[in-house]
Amino acid sequence: QPPGPSAPQPSALEAQPSSPQSLSPSDSYSHLASHPQPLSPSASQRSSTPQPLSPSEPHSLTPQPTPPQPSPPQPSSPLTSSEESSAAKSLSFPAPSLPTSTASPSLVSSAPQPLNPSAPQPATTSNEICLPDECFTKDWFYRTIQWVVCGYARFMHSYTMMGLENVRPGPGLVVGLHSSHSSDIAITAMSQQQKTGRVVRALIHEQSWWLRHYFLRLGAVCGTRSTAVQVCKMGHVAACIPGGVEEVMMHISRNGAHAYDLCWRSYNGTLRRGFAHVALQMGSGFPIYPSFNENAEEMRFNPFFEVWTGLRLDIAYGKLMRSAPKPFRWAMWQLAFFAWISVCYLSVPIPVKVTGHVGQPVIVEAEDTVESLALKVKNSMENLIHEVCQERRSRSYIQGLRQHLDYLLNPKP
């Protein structure tokens, strides 16, 4: 007989399980150990692979904790669902930093902002900073010094100022006369601020700039051309005294016979024209104001100066210095400078009437040169002194006291 039909044999594909679900619980883990299978959707969410953020989710720059990753199952001791979750919590991996288009507000505030070219920037050099006027009017140090200086000037000298209506809004340069005691400089600058509300930026000599921490709080800056140009470009009014110490020595000599004469020449013969260079850099239309204090030399009586000049030692020292070689001439001049600065404040105040005068401005023109502009300013300064003092150029304590008495008896507004 023909052989009967045999039982169908499973094919090679049918002999192997088609999916892990067809395996028994005991065989499934052994099958996964030999053939790793992809994670289920619920397990893939706990993987360490970073997932992209959805547009609705907020971006953050701080690392976010990653959901724990389950430990691989062991064939011999399968884990229950509760044991698997507890084991997964013990594993954590930091998420990588994600790029974002919106920055944190704290980072935006701390990042350096670009400067506005149109906005005025502070005049800063290695040693000085030019602050706005509001900083001085709110500073207790400036207000205290101003109260003391201006109160003393009103009480002792009945100090008044004339010609402030000539000062225009905007930048400018005040050119003054140097006294032998320098105490009228602070009186003029702070009194002008009281009446106009604008802080005068006095240009201080570089040899005195070691006191810059105090000068800066009083509105002064280092007396260099670059600093003066920066101050004027910021819209402030700068003030300088072209004569310097050379003018002081001339006012002291011969017992004050040349107390109100100008001396704009250095001891080595160089003309003092730095203010003209500053004005020309500012351009045409820039104003220069001549200014001086009437009876400024009579404010103080210094016995050291009177004895020195009374014995004609000033004339002898000047002749010896001019005849000395150049290195010795410089050393003798420095000695005279430090001798003056050491005793100039050792003087007796005299209650004379002091009046500050501001003349008509000298306007810079396009065709001006350094020489022509300096000459125009000097002539304007001499005309102002002649208009106030007439022919007198010498020091006179009696005339200053008489003027103060007349003012007290007949006060003027």
Foldseek 3Di string as FASTA:
>chain_A
DDDDDDDDDDDPVRVDDPDLVPDDPLVSLVVCVVPPDDDDPVQVQQDLDDDDDDPVDDDDQDWDKGRFHFDDADNVDGDDPVRRNVRRVVDTDIHDGDDDDDDDPVVVVPDDDDDDVVDQDWLDDPQATADALVLLVPDPLQVVVLCVLQVCCCVQAVEAEPDPVQDDFFEAEEEEADELQNSVVLNVQSVSCVVPVAGEAEADEPVPCVVVVSSNSNRYDHNDLSSSLSCRVNGHYYYYYQQPVVSSLVCLAPNRQQVPPDDQADLVGHGRLSVLVSQVVVPFFHWYKYKYKPLPNLQWAFVVSCVCRVVVVSVVLSVVLVPDDDVVNVVSVVVVVVVSVVRSNVTDGARFHMYMYIDNIDTDDPPDDSVRSVVVNNVRNVVVCCVVVPPGRGRDNVVRRVVSVVCVVPPDD
